[in-house]
Amino acid sequence: MNTGKITLKINSRKVSVARGTSVASAILNCKSKLFRRSVSGEPRFPLCGMGICFECRVSINGVKHERSCQILAEEGMTIDTDG
């Protein structure tokens, strides 16, 4: 039976989210609010939510600097933040 949920890993932690959830929302839902750090070490997190500010960048399946607000979470996806 398909419950509409998928499982992925965020910072090595298994998380279940509804299908159609953006990666940014999945990260925020698991209480990990730090997405990355600026070059000076300041914590960064999503600002615009529509891919313009680039503050939501994370590594997805080993690919760095992916805009998490623009990518839907997928079954088995691995996401790494600086958090």
N, C-alpha and C. Protein backbone atom coordinates (compact mmCIF):
# COMPACT_ATOMS: atom_id res chain seq x y z
N MET A 1 0.84 -1.18 0.00
CA MET A 1 0.00 0.00 0.00
C MET A 1 0.89 1.25 0.00
N ASN A 2 0.63 2.17 -0.88
CA ASN A 2 1.40 3.41 -1.00
C ASN A 2 0.79 4.47 -0.09
N THR A 3 1.57 4.89 0.91
CA THR A 3 1.05 5.87 1.88
C THR A 3 1.32 7.31 1.46
N GLY A 4 2.05 7.49 0.34
CA GLY A 4 2.37 8.84 -0.07
C GLY A 4 3.58 9.39 0.65
N LYS A 5 4.27 8.56 1.40
CA LYS A 5 5.48 8.97 2.13
C LYS A 5 6.71 8.39 1.44
N ILE A 6 7.80 9.11 1.55
CA ILE A 6 9.09 8.63 1.07
C ILE A 6 10.10 8.77 2.20
N THR A 7 11.17 7.99 2.12
CA THR A 7 12.22 8.04 3.14
C THR A 7 13.51 8.49 2.48
N LEU A 8 14.20 9.42 3.13
CA LEU A 8 15.48 9.91 2.65
C LEU A 8 16.38 10.12 3.85
N LYS A 9 17.64 10.44 3.60
CA LYS A 9 18.57 10.70 4.69
C LYS A 9 19.01 12.16 4.65
N ILE A 10 18.90 12.81 5.81
CA ILE A 10 19.38 14.18 5.96
C ILE A 10 20.45 14.14 7.04
N ASN A 11 21.68 14.45 6.66
CA ASN A 11 22.81 14.38 7.60
C ASN A 11 22.86 13.02 8.29
N SER A 12 22.74 11.95 7.50
CA SER A 12 22.81 10.56 7.95
C SER A 12 21.63 10.13 8.82
N ARG A 13 20.61 10.94 8.93
CA ARG A 13 19.42 10.62 9.72
C ARG A 13 18.25 10.31 8.79
N LYS A 14 17.61 9.14 8.98
CA LYS A 14 16.46 8.78 8.16
C LYS A 14 15.28 9.66 8.51
N VAL A 15 14.64 10.18 7.46
CA VAL A 15 13.50 11.08 7.62
C VAL A 15 12.42 10.65 6.63
N SER A 16 11.17 10.65 7.06
CA SER A 16 10.04 10.38 6.17
C SER A 16 9.29 11.68 5.93
N VAL A 17 8.98 11.93 4.66
CA VAL A 17 8.22 13.12 4.28
C VAL A 17 7.18 12.74 3.23
N ALA A 18 6.22 13.60 3.06
CA ALA A 18 5.18 13.36 2.05
C ALA A 18 5.78 13.52 0.65
N ARG A 19 5.31 12.73 -0.29
CA ARG A 19 5.71 12.91 -1.69
C ARG A 19 5.37 14.33 -2.11
N GLY A 20 6.24 14.94 -2.93
CA GLY A 20 6.01 16.29 -3.39
C GLY A 20 6.62 17.36 -2.49
N THR A 21 7.28 16.94 -1.40
CA THR A 21 7.93 17.87 -0.49
C THR A 21 9.26 18.32 -1.09
N SER A 22 9.55 19.61 -1.02
CA SER A 22 10.86 20.08 -1.50
C SER A 22 11.93 19.64 -0.50
N VAL A 23 13.16 19.57 -0.97
CA VAL A 23 14.27 19.21 -0.09
C VAL A 23 14.39 20.25 1.03
N ALA A 24 14.23 21.52 0.72
CA ALA A 24 14.31 22.57 1.75
C ALA A 24 13.27 22.34 2.84
N SER A 25 12.06 22.01 2.46
CA SER A 25 11.01 21.75 3.45
C SER A 25 11.32 20.52 4.27
N ALA A 26 11.87 19.49 3.65
CA ALA A 26 12.24 18.28 4.38
C ALA A 26 13.30 18.61 5.43
N ILE A 27 14.27 19.43 5.07
CA ILE A 27 15.32 19.82 6.02
C ILE A 27 14.72 20.61 7.17
N LEU A 28 13.87 21.57 6.87
CA LEU A 28 13.24 22.37 7.92
C LEU A 28 12.33 21.52 8.80
N ASN A 29 11.63 20.54 8.22
CA ASN A 29 10.74 19.67 8.98
C ASN A 29 11.48 18.80 9.98
N CYS A 30 12.75 18.50 9.71
CA CYS A 30 13.50 17.66 10.65
C CYS A 30 14.29 18.51 11.64
N LYS A 31 13.97 19.78 11.73
CA LYS A 31 14.54 20.72 12.71
C LYS A 31 16.01 21.05 12.45
N SER A 32 16.51 20.78 11.26
CA SER A 32 17.88 21.15 10.91
C SER A 32 17.81 22.46 10.14
N LYS A 33 17.99 23.57 10.82
CA LYS A 33 17.78 24.87 10.18
C LYS A 33 19.02 25.44 9.52
N LEU A 34 20.18 24.87 9.81
CA LEU A 34 21.40 25.35 9.16
C LEU A 34 21.58 24.58 7.86
N PHE A 35 21.56 25.30 6.77
CA PHE A 35 21.72 24.68 5.45
C PHE A 35 23.19 24.70 5.02
N ARG A 36 23.84 25.82 5.22
CA ARG A 36 25.24 25.96 4.83
C ARG A 36 25.85 27.10 5.62
N ARG A 37 27.14 27.32 5.42
CA ARG A 37 27.83 28.44 6.04
C ARG A 37 28.43 29.32 4.94
N SER A 38 28.44 30.60 5.18
CA SER A 38 29.05 31.53 4.22
C SER A 38 30.57 31.36 4.28
N VAL A 39 31.28 32.00 3.37
CA VAL A 39 32.74 31.90 3.37
C VAL A 39 33.34 32.44 4.66
N SER A 40 32.64 33.32 5.36
CA SER A 40 33.13 33.85 6.64
C SER A 40 32.64 33.02 7.83
N GLY A 41 31.88 31.95 7.57
CA GLY A 41 31.42 31.06 8.63
C GLY A 41 30.05 31.35 9.19
N GLU A 42 29.36 32.35 8.64
CA GLU A 42 28.02 32.70 9.13
C GLU A 42 27.00 31.64 8.69
N PRO A 43 26.06 31.27 9.58
CA PRO A 43 25.02 30.30 9.20
C PRO A 43 24.09 30.89 8.14
N ARG A 44 23.71 30.08 7.19
CA ARG A 44 22.81 30.50 6.11
C ARG A 44 21.63 29.54 6.04
N PHE A 45 20.50 30.05 5.58
CA PHE A 45 19.28 29.26 5.46
C PHE A 45 18.41 29.89 4.37
N PRO A 46 17.38 29.18 3.89
CA PRO A 46 16.57 29.71 2.80
C PRO A 46 15.99 31.09 3.12
N LEU A 47 16.05 31.94 2.14
CA LEU A 47 15.53 33.29 2.29
C LEU A 47 14.32 33.50 1.37
N CYS A 48 14.50 33.22 0.09
CA CYS A 48 13.43 33.54 -0.87
C CYS A 48 12.49 32.36 -1.13
N GLY A 49 12.99 31.14 -1.06
CA GLY A 49 12.15 29.97 -1.32
C GLY A 49 11.80 29.75 -2.77
N MET A 50 12.43 30.50 -3.68
CA MET A 50 12.13 30.32 -5.10
C MET A 50 13.37 30.27 -5.98
N GLY A 51 14.54 29.98 -5.38
CA GLY A 51 15.75 29.73 -6.15
C GLY A 51 16.56 30.93 -6.58
N ILE A 52 16.21 32.12 -6.10
CA ILE A 52 16.93 33.33 -6.51
C ILE A 52 18.11 33.63 -5.58
N CYS A 53 17.95 33.42 -4.28
CA CYS A 53 18.97 33.87 -3.32
C CYS A 53 20.14 32.88 -3.16
N PHE A 54 19.97 31.63 -3.51
CA PHE A 54 21.01 30.59 -3.43
C PHE A 54 21.46 30.30 -1.99
N GLU A 55 20.70 30.73 -0.99
CA GLU A 55 21.08 30.50 0.41
C GLU A 55 20.73 29.10 0.88
N CYS A 56 19.93 28.37 0.13
CA CYS A 56 19.48 27.04 0.54
C CYS A 56 20.35 25.91 -0.03
N ARG A 57 21.52 26.25 -0.52
CA ARG A 57 22.36 25.23 -1.18
C ARG A 57 22.84 24.16 -0.20
N VAL A 58 22.72 22.91 -0.64
CA VAL A 58 23.16 21.74 0.12
C VAL A 58 23.75 20.72 -0.86
N SER A 59 24.32 19.66 -0.33
CA SER A 59 24.77 18.55 -1.18
C SER A 59 23.66 17.52 -1.26
N ILE A 60 23.30 17.15 -2.48
CA ILE A 60 22.27 16.14 -2.70
C ILE A 60 22.89 15.01 -3.51
N ASN A 61 22.87 13.82 -2.92
CA ASN A 61 23.46 12.63 -3.55
C ASN A 61 24.90 12.91 -4.00
N GLY A 62 25.64 13.64 -3.17
CA GLY A 62 27.05 13.92 -3.43
C GLY A 62 27.32 15.10 -4.34
N VAL A 63 26.29 15.72 -4.88
CA VAL A 63 26.45 16.89 -5.75
C VAL A 63 26.31 18.15 -4.90
N LYS A 64 27.37 18.92 -4.81
CA LYS A 64 27.38 20.11 -3.97
C LYS A 64 26.63 21.28 -4.61
N HIS A 65 26.21 22.20 -3.78
CA HIS A 65 25.61 23.48 -4.18
C HIS A 65 24.29 23.35 -4.93
N GLU A 66 23.50 22.35 -4.58
CA GLU A 66 22.17 22.20 -5.17
C GLU A 66 21.19 23.11 -4.41
N ARG A 67 20.33 23.80 -5.13
CA ARG A 67 19.33 24.67 -4.50
C ARG A 67 18.17 23.81 -4.00
N SER A 68 18.13 23.62 -2.69
CA SER A 68 17.18 22.68 -2.10
C SER A 68 15.72 23.11 -2.23
N CYS A 69 15.48 24.38 -2.41
CA CYS A 69 14.09 24.84 -2.54
C CYS A 69 13.52 24.52 -3.93
N GLN A 70 14.37 24.16 -4.86
CA GLN A 70 13.94 23.90 -6.24
C GLN A 70 13.89 22.42 -6.59
N ILE A 71 14.22 21.55 -5.63
CA ILE A 71 14.32 20.12 -5.91
C ILE A 71 13.36 19.37 -5.00
N LEU A 72 12.57 18.47 -5.60
CA LEU A 72 11.66 17.65 -4.81
C LEU A 72 12.42 16.48 -4.20
N ALA A 73 12.09 16.16 -2.95
CA ALA A 73 12.69 15.03 -2.27
C ALA A 73 12.28 13.75 -2.98
N GLU A 74 13.21 12.81 -3.07
CA GLU A 74 12.96 11.52 -3.71
C GLU A 74 13.34 10.40 -2.78
N GLU A 75 12.70 9.26 -2.96
CA GLU A 75 13.00 8.07 -2.18
C GLU A 75 14.49 7.74 -2.23
N GLY A 76 15.10 7.54 -1.05
CA GLY A 76 16.50 7.15 -0.98
C GLY A 76 17.52 8.28 -1.14
N MET A 77 17.06 9.49 -1.35
CA MET A 77 17.96 10.64 -1.55
C MET A 77 18.80 10.84 -0.29
N THR A 78 20.05 11.28 -0.50
CA THR A 78 20.96 11.59 0.60
C THR A 78 21.29 13.08 0.54
N ILE A 79 21.01 13.78 1.63
CA ILE A 79 21.20 15.22 1.70
C ILE A 79 22.18 15.52 2.82
N ASP A 80 23.16 16.36 2.53
CA ASP A 80 24.11 16.79 3.55
C ASP A 80 24.11 18.31 3.62
N THR A 81 23.91 18.82 4.83
CA THR A 81 23.97 20.25 5.08
C THR A 81 25.21 20.53 5.90
N ASP A 82 25.45 21.78 6.22
CA ASP A 82 26.54 22.13 7.13
C ASP A 82 26.08 22.11 8.57
N GLY A 83 24.89 21.55 8.82
CA GLY A 83 24.31 21.57 10.16
C GLY A 83 24.64 20.37 10.98
